[in-house]
C-alpha atoms as a PDB file:
ATOM      1  CA  MET A   1     -88.746 -88.690  72.529  1.00  0.00           C
ATOM      2  CA  LYS A   2     -89.952 -85.678  70.544  1.00  0.00           C
ATOM      3  CA  VAL A   3     -87.791 -82.587  69.995  1.00  0.00           C
ATOM      4  CA  GLU A   4     -88.679 -79.914  67.471  1.00  0.00           C
ATOM      5  CA  ASN A   5     -85.754 -78.966  65.239  1.00  0.00           C
ATOM      6  CA  PRO A   6     -83.166 -80.894  67.265  1.00  0.00           C
ATOM      7  CA  THR A   7     -79.648 -79.512  67.550  1.00  0.00           C
ATOM      8  CA  SER A   8     -76.297 -80.957  68.550  1.00  0.00           C
ATOM      9  CA  ARG A   9     -76.803 -79.236  71.930  1.00  0.00           C
ATOM     10  CA  ASP A  10     -79.945 -81.333  72.481  1.00  0.00           C
ATOM     11  CA  ILE A  11     -78.010 -84.515  71.715  1.00  0.00           C
ATOM     12  CA  ALA A  12     -75.140 -83.417  73.964  1.00  0.00           C
ATOM     13  CA  ASP A  13     -77.524 -82.777  76.878  1.00  0.00           C
ATOM     14  CA  LEU A  14     -79.244 -86.152  76.459  1.00  0.00           C
ATOM     15  CA  ALA A  15     -75.959 -88.034  76.111  1.00  0.00           C
ATOM     16  CA  GLY A  16     -74.213 -86.121  78.900  1.00  0.00           C
ATOM     17  CA  VAL A  17     -71.282 -85.098  76.708  1.00  0.00           C
ATOM     18  CA  SER A  18     -69.953 -81.941  75.058  1.00  0.00           C
ATOM     19  CA  GLN A  19     -71.042 -80.670  71.662  1.00  0.00           C
ATOM     20  CA  ALA A  20     -67.522 -81.314  70.381  1.00  0.00           C
ATOM     21  CA  THR A  21     -67.883 -84.960  71.327  1.00  0.00           C
ATOM     22  CA  VAL A  22     -71.239 -85.119  69.542  1.00  0.00           C
ATOM     23  CA  SER A  23     -69.674 -83.637  66.408  1.00  0.00           C
ATOM     24  CA  ARG A  24     -66.881 -86.176  66.458  1.00  0.00           C
ATOM     25  CA  ALA A  25     -69.202 -89.098  67.166  1.00  0.00           C
ATOM     26  CA  LEU A  26     -71.475 -88.200  64.266  1.00  0.00           C
ATOM     27  CA  ARG A  27     -68.404 -88.276  62.000  1.00  0.00           C
ATOM     28  CA  ASN A  28     -67.489 -91.718  63.347  1.00  0.00           C
ATOM     29  CA  SER A  29     -64.277 -90.302  64.771  1.00  0.00           C
ATOM     30  CA  PRO A  30     -62.071 -92.949  66.407  1.00  0.00           C
ATOM     31  CA  LEU A  31     -61.218 -90.322  68.992  1.00  0.00           C
ATOM     32  CA  VAL A  32     -64.592 -91.042  70.658  1.00  0.00           C
ATOM     33  CA  ARG A  33     -64.971 -94.338  72.498  1.00  0.00           C
ATOM     34  CA  GLU A  34     -67.124 -96.813  70.609  1.00  0.00           C
ATOM     35  CA  GLU A  35     -69.683 -97.101  73.426  1.00  0.00           C
ATOM     36  CA  THR A  36     -70.103 -93.324  73.597  1.00  0.00           C
ATOM     37  CA  ARG A  37     -70.196 -93.036  69.811  1.00  0.00           C
ATOM     38  CA  ASN A  38     -72.939 -95.641  69.523  1.00  0.00           C
ATOM     39  CA  ARG A  39     -75.007 -93.965  72.245  1.00  0.00           C
ATOM     40  CA  ILE A  40     -74.765 -90.536  70.588  1.00  0.00           C
ATOM     41  CA  GLN A  41     -75.653 -91.915  67.160  1.00  0.00           C
ATOM     42  CA  ALA A  42     -78.657 -93.756  68.604  1.00  0.00           C
ATOM     43  CA  ILE A  43     -79.951 -90.535  70.170  1.00  0.00           C
ATOM     44  CA  ALA A  44     -79.429 -88.689  66.868  1.00  0.00           C
ATOM     45  CA  ARG A  45     -81.465 -91.302  65.015  1.00  0.00           C
ATOM     46  CA  GLU A  46     -84.251 -91.156  67.580  1.00  0.00           C
ATOM     47  CA  LEU A  47     -84.408 -87.375  67.218  1.00  0.00           C
ATOM     48  CA  ASN A  48     -84.274 -87.599  63.406  1.00  0.00           C
ATOM     49  CA  TYR A  49     -81.241 -85.351  63.553  1.00  0.00           C
ATOM     50  CA  PHE A  50     -78.983 -84.921  60.524  1.00  0.00           C
ATOM     51  CA  VAL A  51     -75.801 -82.947  60.029  1.00  0.00           C
ATOM     52  CA  ASN A  52     -75.941 -80.073  57.586  1.00  0.00           C
ATOM     53  CA  ARG A  53     -72.306 -80.296  56.589  1.00  0.00           C
ATOM     54  CA  ASN A  54     -72.314 -77.032  54.635  1.00  0.00           C
ATOM     55  CA  ALA A  55     -73.653 -75.098  57.607  1.00  0.00           C
ATOM     56  CA  ALA A  56     -71.279 -76.842  59.974  1.00  0.00           C
ATOM     57  CA  GLY A  57     -68.385 -75.950  57.716  1.00  0.00           C
ATOM     58  CA  LEU A  58     -69.378 -72.299  57.664  1.00  0.00           C
ATOM     59  CA  ARG A  59     -69.521 -72.197  61.456  1.00  0.00           C
ATOM     60  CA  THR A  60     -66.189 -73.926  61.992  1.00  0.00           C
ATOM     61  CA  HIS A  61     -64.357 -72.653  58.886  1.00  0.00           C
ATOM     62  CA  GLN A  62     -63.773 -76.283  57.993  1.00  0.00           C
ATOM     63  CA  SER A  63     -64.437 -77.929  54.657  1.00  0.00           C
ATOM     64  CA  ASN A  64     -64.684 -81.480  56.048  1.00  0.00           C
ATOM     65  CA  THR A  65     -62.333 -82.346  53.205  1.00  0.00           C
ATOM     66  CA  ILE A  66     -58.896 -83.934  53.154  1.00  0.00           C
ATOM     67  CA  ALA A  67     -56.632 -83.166  50.193  1.00  0.00           C
ATOM     68  CA  LEU A  68     -54.752 -86.205  48.945  1.00  0.00           C
ATOM     69  CA  LEU A  69     -51.774 -85.007  46.914  1.00  0.00           C
ATOM     70  CA  LEU A  70     -49.896 -87.378  44.636  1.00  0.00           C
ATOM     71  CA  PHE A  71     -46.678 -86.144  43.113  1.00  0.00           C
ATOM     72  CA  ASP A  72     -45.730 -86.626  39.492  1.00  0.00           C
ATOM     73  CA  GLU A  73     -42.328 -88.298  39.787  1.00  0.00           C
ATOM     74  CA  THR A  74     -41.738 -88.159  36.015  1.00  0.00           C
ATOM     75  CA  GLY A  75     -41.375 -84.396  35.720  1.00  0.00           C
ATOM     76  CA  GLY A  76     -44.466 -84.142  33.543  1.00  0.00           C
ATOM     77  CA  GLU A  77     -43.284 -86.760  31.029  1.00  0.00           C
ATOM     78  CA  ASP A  78     -45.959 -89.324  31.956  1.00  0.00           C
ATOM     79  CA  ALA A  79     -49.456 -89.120  33.456  1.00  0.00           C
ATOM     80  CA  GLN A  80     -49.368 -92.564  35.075  1.00  0.00           C
ATOM     81  CA  ILE A  81     -49.648 -92.860  38.851  1.00  0.00           C
ATOM     82  CA  ASN A  82     -47.033 -94.904  40.686  1.00  0.00           C
ATOM     83  CA  PRO A  83     -48.669 -98.385  40.832  1.00  0.00           C
ATOM     84  CA  PHE A  84     -47.875 -98.667  44.528  1.00  0.00           C
ATOM     85  CA  PHE A  85     -50.249 -95.793  45.307  1.00  0.00           C
ATOM     86  CA  LEU A  86     -53.228 -96.911  43.236  1.00  0.00           C
ATOM     87  CA  PRO A  87     -54.699 -99.310  45.848  1.00  0.00           C
ATOM     88  CA  MET A  88     -54.174 -96.680  48.545  1.00  0.00           C
ATOM     89  CA  LEU A  89     -56.639 -94.322  46.862  1.00  0.00           C
ATOM     90  CA  GLY A  90     -59.593 -96.602  47.562  1.00  0.00           C
ATOM     91  CA  TYR A  91     -58.595 -97.382  51.128  1.00  0.00           C
ATOM     92  CA  ILE A  92     -57.956 -93.718  51.952  1.00  0.00           C
ATOM     93  CA  THR A  93     -61.253 -92.484  50.513  1.00  0.00           C
ATOM     94  CA  ARG A  94     -63.195 -95.217  52.301  1.00  0.00           C
ATOM     95  CA  SER A  95     -61.472 -94.577  55.629  1.00  0.00           C
ATOM     96  CA  ALA A  96     -62.091 -90.845  55.280  1.00  0.00           C
ATOM     97  CA  ALA A  97     -65.776 -91.388  54.469  1.00  0.00           C
ATOM     98  CA  GLU A  98     -66.175 -93.489  57.607  1.00  0.00           C
ATOM     99  CA  LEU A  99     -64.944 -90.492  59.611  1.00  0.00           C
ATOM    100  CA  GLY A 100     -67.192 -88.010  57.800  1.00  0.00           C
ATOM    101  CA  TYR A 101     -64.605 -86.498  55.453  1.00  0.00           C
ATOM    102  CA  ASP A 102     -64.521 -86.124  51.690  1.00  0.00           C
ATOM    103  CA  VAL A 103     -61.255 -86.576  49.797  1.00  0.00           C
ATOM    104  CA  LEU A 104     -59.952 -84.214  47.124  1.00  0.00           C
ATOM    105  CA  ILE A 105     -57.393 -86.063  44.981  1.00  0.00           C
ATOM    106  CA  SER A 106     -54.874 -84.016  43.035  1.00  0.00           C
ATOM    107  CA  MET A 107     -51.766 -84.779  40.974  1.00  0.00           C
ATOM    108  CA  GLN A 108     -49.050 -82.201  41.535  1.00  0.00           C
ATOM    109  CA  GLN A 109     -45.754 -81.207  39.998  1.00  0.00           C
ATOM    110  CA  LEU A 110     -43.160 -80.840  42.721  1.00  0.00           C
ATOM    111  CA  THR A 111     -42.184 -77.440  41.303  1.00  0.00           C
ATOM    112  CA  ASP A 112     -45.719 -76.033  41.656  1.00  0.00           C
ATOM    113  CA  ASP A 113     -46.974 -73.924  44.566  1.00  0.00           C
ATOM    114  CA  TRP A 114     -49.338 -76.620  45.862  1.00  0.00           C
ATOM    115  CA  HIS A 115     -47.992 -76.092  49.377  1.00  0.00           C
ATOM    116  CA  ILE A 116     -49.744 -72.713  49.745  1.00  0.00           C
ATOM    117  CA  GLU A 117     -53.076 -73.478  48.074  1.00  0.00           C
ATOM    118  CA  TYR A 118     -55.188 -75.934  50.014  1.00  0.00           C
ATOM    119  CA  GLN A 119     -55.595 -75.170  53.701  1.00  0.00           C
ATOM    120  CA  ALA A 120     -55.107 -71.433  53.260  1.00  0.00           C
ATOM    121  CA  SER A 121     -58.015 -71.270  50.803  1.00  0.00           C
ATOM    122  CA  HIS A 122     -60.168 -73.601  52.941  1.00  0.00           C
ATOM    123  CA  ARG A 123     -60.247 -76.153  50.130  1.00  0.00           C
ATOM    124  CA  ALA A 124     -59.109 -78.749  52.637  1.00  0.00           C
ATOM    125  CA  ASP A 125     -58.652 -79.051  56.384  1.00  0.00           C
ATOM    126  CA  GLY A 126     -55.475 -81.083  56.054  1.00  0.00           C
ATOM    127  CA  LEU A 127     -53.180 -82.746  53.533  1.00  0.00           C
ATOM    128  CA  ILE A 128     -52.034 -86.322  52.983  1.00  0.00           C
ATOM    129  CA  LEU A 129     -48.888 -86.416  50.856  1.00  0.00           C
ATOM    130  CA  LEU A 130     -48.029 -89.489  48.749  1.00  0.00           C
ATOM    131  CA  GLY A 131     -44.760 -89.783  46.854  1.00  0.00           C
ATOM    132  CA  TYR A 132     -42.150 -87.095  46.528  1.00  0.00           C
ATOM    133  CA  GLY A 133     -39.683 -87.606  43.658  1.00  0.00           C
ATOM    134  CA  ASP A 134     -36.535 -85.689  44.625  1.00  0.00           C
ATOM    135  CA  TYR A 135     -36.574 -85.639  48.430  1.00  0.00           C
ATOM    136  CA  MET A 136     -34.223 -82.660  48.737  1.00  0.00           C
ATOM    137  CA  THR A 137     -36.709 -80.448  46.837  1.00  0.00           C
ATOM    138  CA  TYR A 138     -39.655 -82.035  48.631  1.00  0.00           C
ATOM    139  CA  ARG A 139     -38.163 -81.267  52.046  1.00  0.00           C
ATOM    140  CA  GLU A 140     -38.190 -77.543  51.306  1.00  0.00           C
ATOM    141  CA  LYS A 141     -41.906 -77.766  50.521  1.00  0.00           C
ATOM    142  CA  LEU A 142     -42.498 -79.501  53.854  1.00  0.00           C
ATOM    143  CA  ARG A 143     -40.735 -76.675  55.652  1.00  0.00           C
ATOM    144  CA  ALA A 144     -42.996 -74.175  53.883  1.00  0.00           C
ATOM    145  CA  LEU A 145     -46.052 -76.164  54.996  1.00  0.00           C
ATOM    146  CA  ALA A 146     -44.823 -76.192  58.577  1.00  0.00           C
ATOM    147  CA  ARG A 147     -44.162 -72.438  58.561  1.00  0.00           C
ATOM    148  CA  ALA A 148     -47.751 -71.904  57.376  1.00  0.00           C
ATOM    149  CA  ASN A 149     -49.058 -74.110  60.230  1.00  0.00           C
ATOM    150  CA  THR A 150     -50.615 -76.459  57.681  1.00  0.00           C
ATOM    151  CA  ARG A 151     -51.883 -79.779  58.987  1.00  0.00           C
ATOM    152  CA  PHE A 152     -50.250 -82.528  56.947  1.00  0.00           C
ATOM    153  CA  ILE A 153     -49.191 -86.152  57.195  1.00  0.00           C
ATOM    154  CA  ILE A 154     -46.635 -87.828  54.935  1.00  0.00           C
ATOM    155  CA  TRP A 155     -46.430 -91.347  53.575  1.00  0.00           C
ATOM    156  CA  GLY A 156     -42.690 -91.905  53.475  1.00  0.00           C
ATOM    157  CA  PRO A 157     -39.484 -91.798  55.439  1.00  0.00           C
ATOM    158  CA  THR A 158     -38.910 -90.254  58.840  1.00  0.00           C
ATOM    159  CA  ILE A 159     -35.789 -88.127  58.533  1.00  0.00           C
ATOM    160  CA  ASN A 160     -34.011 -86.247  61.304  1.00  0.00           C
ATOM    161  CA  GLU A 161     -35.353 -82.687  61.617  1.00  0.00           C
ATOM    162  CA  GLN A 162     -38.032 -83.365  58.990  1.00  0.00           C
ATOM    163  CA  PRO A 163     -41.064 -81.109  59.472  1.00  0.00           C
ATOM    164  CA  GLY A 164     -44.454 -82.667  60.159  1.00  0.00           C
ATOM    165  CA  HIS A 165     -45.455 -86.252  60.861  1.00  0.00           C
ATOM    166  CA  SER A 166     -45.049 -89.364  58.757  1.00  0.00           C
ATOM    167  CA  ILE A 167     -46.374 -92.888  58.437  1.00  0.00           C
ATOM    168  CA  GLY A 168     -44.020 -95.241  56.660  1.00  0.00           C
ATOM    169  CA  CYS A 169     -42.527 -98.670  56.280  1.00  0.00           C
ATOM    170  CA  ASP A 170     -39.477 -99.850  58.205  1.00  0.00           C
ATOM    171  CA  ASN A 171     -37.394 -99.950  55.047  1.00  0.00           C
ATOM    172  CA  VAL A 172     -34.236-101.120  56.789  1.00  0.00           C
ATOM    173  CA  ILE A 173     -36.034-104.226  58.047  1.00  0.00           C
ATOM    174  CA  GLY A 174     -37.526-104.775  54.595  1.00  0.00           C
ATOM    175  CA  GLY A 175     -34.111-104.679  52.942  1.00  0.00           C
ATOM    176  CA  LEU A 176     -32.766-106.996  55.621  1.00  0.00           C
ATOM    177  CA  GLN A 177     -35.570-109.517  55.005  1.00  0.00           C
ATOM    178  CA  ALA A 178     -35.002-109.527  51.246  1.00  0.00           C
ATOM    179  CA  ALA A 179     -31.233-110.011  51.445  1.00  0.00           C
ATOM    180  CA  ARG A 180     -31.457-112.624  54.197  1.00  0.00           C
ATOM    181  CA  HIS A 181     -33.811-114.656  52.047  1.00  0.00           C
ATOM    182  CA  LEU A 182     -31.523-114.542  49.017  1.00  0.00           C
ATOM    183  CA  LEU A 183     -28.399-115.280  51.026  1.00  0.00           C
ATOM    184  CA  GLY A 184     -30.205-118.081  52.844  1.00  0.00           C
ATOM    185  CA  ALA A 185     -31.039-119.604  49.465  1.00  0.00           C
ATOM    186  CA  GLY A 186     -27.338-119.762  48.645  1.00  0.00           C
ATOM    187  CA  ARG A 187     -27.125-116.693  46.429  1.00  0.00           C
ATOM    188  CA  ARG A 188     -23.796-114.964  46.981  1.00  0.00           C
ATOM    189  CA  ARG A 189     -23.517-112.324  44.268  1.00  0.00           C
ATOM    190  CA  ILE A 190     -26.653-110.206  44.620  1.00  0.00           C
ATOM    191  CA  ALA A 191     -27.033-107.143  42.426  1.00  0.00           C
ATOM    192  CA  PHE A 192     -28.744-104.114  43.997  1.00  0.00           C
ATOM    193  CA  LEU A 193     -30.851-101.864  41.758  1.00  0.00           C
ATOM    194  CA  GLY A 194     -31.850 -98.481  43.157  1.00  0.00           C
ATOM    195  CA  ASN A 195     -30.774 -94.935  43.895  1.00  0.00           C
ATOM    196  CA  THR A 196     -29.365 -94.628  47.428  1.00  0.00           C
ATOM    197  CA  THR A 197     -28.437 -90.949  47.469  1.00  0.00           C
ATOM    198  CA  ARG A 198     -29.933 -88.410  49.896  1.00  0.00           C
ATOM    199  CA  ARG A 199     -32.579 -87.715  47.263  1.00  0.00           C
ATOM    200  CA  CYS A 200     -34.069 -91.193  47.804  1.00  0.00           C
ATOM    201  CA  PRO A 201     -33.988 -91.875  51.579  1.00  0.00           C
ATOM    202  CA  GLU A 202     -36.433 -94.814  51.451  1.00  0.00           C
ATOM    203  CA  PHE A 203     -34.241 -96.627  48.931  1.00  0.00           C
ATOM    204  CA  ALA A 204     -31.138 -95.776  50.939  1.00  0.00           C
ATOM    205  CA  ALA A 205     -32.752 -97.386  53.996  1.00  0.00           C
ATOM    206  CA  ARG A 206     -33.510-100.538  51.987  1.00  0.00           C
ATOM    207  CA  TYR A 207     -29.872-100.650  50.954  1.00  0.00           C
ATOM    208  CA  GLU A 208     -28.814-100.290  54.588  1.00  0.00           C
ATOM    209  CA  GLY A 209     -30.816-103.415  55.477  1.00  0.00           C
ATOM    210  CA  PHE A 210     -29.396-105.201  52.423  1.00  0.00           C
ATOM    211  CA  ARG A 211     -25.868-104.341  53.552  1.00  0.00           C
ATOM    212  CA  ARG A 212     -26.506-105.458  57.150  1.00  0.00           C
ATOM    213  CA  ALA A 213     -27.669-108.892  55.994  1.00  0.00           C
ATOM    214  CA  HIS A 214     -24.317-109.409  54.259  1.00  0.00           C
ATOM    215  CA  GLU A 215     -22.468-108.293  57.383  1.00  0.00           C
ATOM    216  CA  GLU A 216     -24.429-110.726  59.558  1.00  0.00           C
ATOM    217  CA  LEU A 217     -23.110-113.672  57.531  1.00  0.00           C
ATOM    218  CA  GLY A 218     -19.666-112.197  57.003  1.00  0.00           C
ATOM    219  CA  ILE A 219     -20.218-112.084  53.252  1.00  0.00           C
ATOM    220  CA  GLY A 220     -18.647-109.267  51.306  1.00  0.00           C
ATOM    221  CA  PHE A 221     -20.681-107.260  48.816  1.00  0.00           C
ATOM    222  CA  ASP A 222     -19.130-106.320  45.484  1.00  0.00           C
ATOM    223  CA  PRO A 223     -19.816-102.568  44.995  1.00  0.00           C
ATOM    224  CA  GLY A 224     -19.713-103.194  41.251  1.00  0.00           C
ATOM    225  CA  LEU A 225     -23.086-104.956  41.622  1.00  0.00           C
ATOM    226  CA  LYS A 226     -24.774-101.795  42.887  1.00  0.00           C
ATOM    227  CA  VAL A 227     -26.524 -99.783  40.166  1.00  0.00           C
ATOM    228  CA  ASP A 228     -27.793 -96.256  40.880  1.00  0.00           C
ATOM    229  CA  ALA A 229     -29.998 -94.397  38.416  1.00  0.00           C
ATOM    230  CA  ASP A 230     -32.619 -91.645  38.524  1.00  0.00           C
ATOM    231  CA  ASN A 231     -35.014 -92.837  35.814  1.00  0.00           C
ATOM    232  CA  LEU A 232     -36.989 -95.356  37.863  1.00  0.00           C
ATOM    233  CA  THR A 233     -39.359 -96.325  35.049  1.00  0.00           C
ATOM    234  CA  THR A 234     -36.543 -98.025  33.094  1.00  0.00           C
ATOM    235  CA  LEU A 235     -34.049 -98.702  35.865  1.00  0.00           C
ATOM    236  CA  GLY A 236     -34.663-102.460  35.841  1.00  0.00           C
ATOM    237  CA  SER A 237     -33.743-103.054  32.215  1.00  0.00           C
ATOM    238  CA  ARG A 238     -31.066-100.358  32.197  1.00  0.00           C
ATOM    239  CA  GLY A 239     -29.540-101.791  35.356  1.00  0.00           C
ATOM    240  CA  ILE A 240     -29.387-105.328  33.966  1.00  0.00           C
ATOM    241  CA  GLU A 241     -27.951-104.116  30.662  1.00  0.00           C
ATOM    242  CA  GLN A 242     -25.298-102.132  32.532  1.00  0.00           C
ATOM    243  CA  LEU A 243     -24.299-105.120  34.683  1.00  0.00           C
ATOM    244  CA  LEU A 244     -24.062-107.379  31.635  1.00  0.00           C
ATOM    245  CA  ALA A 245     -22.117-104.797  29.603  1.00  0.00           C
ATOM    246  CA  ASP A 246     -19.633-104.449  32.483  1.00  0.00           C
ATOM    247  CA  GLY A 247     -19.182-108.225  32.598  1.00  0.00           C
ATOM    248  CA  ARG A 248     -20.493-108.518  36.152  1.00  0.00           C
ATOM    249  CA  VAL A 249     -21.328-112.000  37.406  1.00  0.00           C
ATOM    250  CA  PHE A 250     -24.450-112.169  39.611  1.00  0.00           C
ATOM    251  CA  ASP A 251     -26.911-114.846  40.686  1.00  0.00           C
ATOM    252  CA  ALA A 252     -29.631-112.662  42.219  1.00  0.00           C
ATOM    253  CA  VAL A 253     -31.159-109.184  42.020  1.00  0.00           C
ATOM    254  CA  PHE A 254     -32.732-107.099  44.777  1.00  0.00           C
ATOM    255  CA  ALA A 255     -34.655-104.161  43.315  1.00  0.00           C
ATOM    256  CA  VAL A 256     -35.921-101.317  45.507  1.00  0.00           C
ATOM    257  CA  THR A 257     -39.408-101.409  43.924  1.00  0.00           C
ATOM    258  CA  ASP A 258     -41.548-104.056  42.253  1.00  0.00           C
ATOM    259  CA  ALA A 259     -41.726-101.976  39.072  1.00  0.00           C
ATOM    260  CA  ILE A 260     -37.929-102.066  38.811  1.00  0.00           C
ATOM    261  CA  ALA A 261     -37.848-105.790  39.674  1.00  0.00           C
ATOM    262  CA  ILE A 262     -40.432-106.690  37.003  1.00  0.00           C
ATOM    263  CA  ASP A 263     -38.520-104.654  34.417  1.00  0.00           C
ATOM    264  CA  ALA A 264     -35.340-106.482  35.467  1.00  0.00           C
ATOM    265  CA  ILE A 265     -37.006-109.893  35.021  1.00  0.00           C
ATOM    266  CA  HIS A 266     -38.035-108.971  31.475  1.00  0.00           C
ATOM    267  CA  ALA A 267     -34.485-107.805  30.668  1.00  0.00           C
ATOM    268  CA  LEU A 268     -32.951-110.993  32.077  1.00  0.00           C
ATOM    269  CA  GLN A 269     -35.313-113.179  30.070  1.00  0.00           C
ATOM    270  CA  GLN A 270     -34.631-111.214  26.891  1.00  0.00           C
ATOM    271  CA  ASN A 271     -30.912-111.846  27.423  1.00  0.00           C
ATOM    272  CA  GLY A 272     -31.434-115.591  27.772  1.00  0.00           C
ATOM    273  CA  TYR A 273     -31.331-115.924  31.556  1.00  0.00           C
ATOM    274  CA  ASP A 274     -33.729-118.174  33.440  1.00  0.00           C
ATOM    275  CA  VAL A 275     -35.467-116.639  36.447  1.00  0.00           C
ATOM    276  CA  PRO A 276     -34.998-118.022  39.066  1.00  0.00           C
ATOM    277  CA  GLY A 277     -32.715-120.804  37.756  1.00  0.00           C
ATOM    278  CA  ASP A 278     -29.858-118.496  36.748  1.00  0.00           C
ATOM    279  CA  VAL A 279     -30.859-115.354  38.622  1.00  0.00           C
ATOM    280  CA  ALA A 280     -33.318-114.987  41.514  1.00  0.00           C
ATOM    281  CA  VAL A 281     -35.195-111.675  41.806  1.00  0.00           C
ATOM    282  CA  VAL A 282     -36.773-109.905  44.795  1.00  0.00           C
ATOM    283  CA  GLY A 283     -38.719-106.646  44.672  1.00  0.00           C
ATOM    284  CA  PHE A 284     -40.276-104.308  47.221  1.00  0.00           C
ATOM    285  CA  ASP A 285     -43.921-103.144  47.705  1.00  0.00           C
ATOM    286  CA  ASP A 286     -46.087-106.116  46.617  1.00  0.00           C
ATOM    287  CA  ILE A 287     -48.073-104.163  44.054  1.00  0.00           C
ATOM    288  CA  PRO A 288     -51.048-106.125  42.601  1.00  0.00           C
ATOM    289  CA  LEU A 289     -49.107-106.983  39.433  1.00  0.00           C
ATOM    290  CA  ALA A 290     -46.338-108.713  41.416  1.00  0.00           C
ATOM    291  CA  ALA A 291     -48.358-111.909  41.861  1.00  0.00           C
ATOM    292  CA  HIS A 292     -49.325-112.084  38.176  1.00  0.00           C
ATOM    293  CA  VAL A 293     -46.052-111.733  36.281  1.00  0.00           C
ATOM    294  CA  THR A 294     -44.101-114.814  35.132  1.00  0.00           C
ATOM    295  CA  PRO A 295     -42.486-115.917  37.318  1.00  0.00           C
ATOM    296  CA  ALA A 296     -44.535-114.420  40.165  1.00  0.00           C
ATOM    297  CA  LEU A 297     -42.410-111.944  42.061  1.00  0.00           C
ATOM    298  CA  THR A 298     -41.005-112.506  45.530  1.00  0.00           C
ATOM    299  CA  THR A 299     -41.270-109.158  47.265  1.00  0.00           C
ATOM    300  CA  VAL A 300     -41.375-107.235  50.533  1.00  0.00           C
ATOM    301  CA  ARG A 301     -44.972-106.294  51.283  1.00  0.00           C
ATOM    302  CA  GLN A 302     -46.023-102.954  52.709  1.00  0.00           C
ATOM    303  CA  ASP A 303     -49.506-103.218  54.206  1.00  0.00           C
ATOM    304  CA  ILE A 304     -51.474-100.780  52.027  1.00  0.00           C
ATOM    305  CA  ARG A 305     -54.696-101.000  54.009  1.00  0.00           C
ATOM    306  CA  GLN A 306     -52.996-100.450  57.360  1.00  0.00           C
ATOM    307  CA  ALA A 307     -51.010 -97.556  55.902  1.00  0.00           C
ATOM    308  CA  SER A 308     -54.099 -95.884  54.445  1.00  0.00           C
ATOM    309  CA  GLU A 309     -56.113 -96.165  57.637  1.00  0.00           C
ATOM    310  CA  ALA A 310     -53.191 -94.835  59.682  1.00  0.00           C
ATOM    311  CA  LEU A 311     -52.759 -91.843  57.360  1.00  0.00           C
ATOM    312  CA  VAL A 312     -56.437 -90.913  57.595  1.00  0.00           C
ATOM    313  CA  LYS A 313     -56.615 -91.399  61.350  1.00  0.00           C
ATOM    314  CA  SER A 314     -53.510 -89.255  61.806  1.00  0.00           C
ATOM    315  CA  ILE A 315     -54.663 -86.339  59.630  1.00  0.00           C
ATOM    316  CA  VAL A 316     -58.099 -86.362  61.263  1.00  0.00           C
ATOM    317  CA  GLY A 317     -56.359 -86.338  64.637  1.00  0.00           C
ATOM    318  CA  LEU A 318     -54.358 -83.279  63.603  1.00  0.00           C
ATOM    319  CA  ILE A 319     -57.496 -81.556  62.283  1.00  0.00           C
ATOM    320  CA  GLU A 320     -59.318 -82.235  65.549  1.00  0.00           C
ATOM    321  CA  GLY A 321     -56.425 -81.092  67.719  1.00  0.00           C
ATOM    322  CA  GLU A 322     -55.334 -84.464  69.029  1.00  0.00           C
ATOM    323  CA  PRO A 323     -51.705 -85.538  69.562  1.00  0.00           C
ATOM    324  CA  VAL A 324     -50.257 -87.511  66.648  1.00  0.00           C
ATOM    325  CA  GLU A 325     -47.029 -89.483  66.471  1.00  0.00           C
ATOM    326  CA  SER A 326     -44.988 -90.603  63.470  1.00  0.00           C
ATOM    327  CA  SER A 327     -44.730 -94.359  63.113  1.00  0.00           C
ATOM    328  CA  LEU A 328     -43.128 -97.152  61.084  1.00  0.00           C
ATOM    329  CA  MET A 329     -44.993-100.257  59.962  1.00  0.00           C
ATOM    330  CA  ALA A 330     -43.383-103.690  59.870  1.00  0.00           C
ATOM    331  CA  PRO A 331     -42.926-105.127  56.344  1.00  0.00           C
ATOM    332  CA  ARG A 332     -43.347-108.812  55.460  1.00  0.00           C
ATOM    333  CA  LEU A 333     -41.507-110.920  52.902  1.00  0.00           C
ATOM    334  CA  ILE A 334     -43.831-112.647  50.412  1.00  0.00           C
ATOM    335  CA  VAL A 335     -42.056-115.588  48.758  1.00  0.00           C
ATOM    336  CA  ARG A 336     -43.082-116.501  45.199  1.00  0.00           C
ATOM    337  CA  GLN A 337     -41.574-118.219  42.167  1.00  0.00           C
ATOM    338  CA  SER A 338     -38.967-115.589  41.206  1.00  0.00           C
ATOM    339  CA  CYS A 339     -36.814-116.995  44.000  1.00  0.00           C
ATOM    340  CA  GLY A 340     -37.602-120.619  43.256  1.00  0.00           C
ATOM    341  CA  ALA A 341     -40.673-121.059  45.474  1.00  0.00           C
ATOM    342  CA  SER A 342     -43.079-123.740  44.332  1.00  0.00           C
ATOM    343  CA  GLY A 343     -46.235-121.861  45.339  1.00  0.00           C
END
């Protein structure tokens, strides 16, 4: 067929759909059925139609951009990104590109006014938030976003009366899996490393699962084996040193992140302990490094790819006016040598 200067209206008429559906289909939106999407894209190719994204943005007041905000959890003391989030960057940008969106990545201090900058200035149509540091401060920012009618989706916990929507891991189940595995292996004095205050709700949920596993078997947990600390970058070594200085006897460690677990392994080895012979260690996240330390770390895996795709699909849904629900993903225990596995 031959159409001079084809428009989205021409494609809509030929496909028998609305212009809004054409717009979504040309962005590969999952909100359009695959059959319809393929038909619209075939018509667009036949007409030699292309989307002028700048013009489209001017008409709709949209930037076709998603802002991905990572939060500096060190208070400005270190520029490194939490290793858990690094693989997510690639998956998020690829998923967004498949739906016709660019991604603006920004590192933020939690004290900054990032919550009023992006959507209001049309720099982005919606926000994906990764990491949060102190949750009590973070929650106030979320309330400000909600009051400004900002479209945002959170990677993290779902808390009662929390503004917005979230995609996260079922941390209680993850903690339960880790503790069950250690208890099932005959470990009876398991140290817990991680902050479980209201400022760290994900870690508190992991502790809840850890505690439930002990209750299931009727095994008491010594509260002296629980180490809370705020400095997560050195919590592993500091936690082990504190337990040893206090004369605590333990045969296993469950750390709330892989970074803490790996630090704990190093501290145990430096103090002459064999891992896993003397002390078994389990972490949480399954960051890429977990499989390459010695011994390789047993850990609770959060599916990074699934999480990234769900975050992008959810924020695009919010941008396009579709209903979105918060959800929890199931974690999976990955057994490696730090608990005595042979492979």
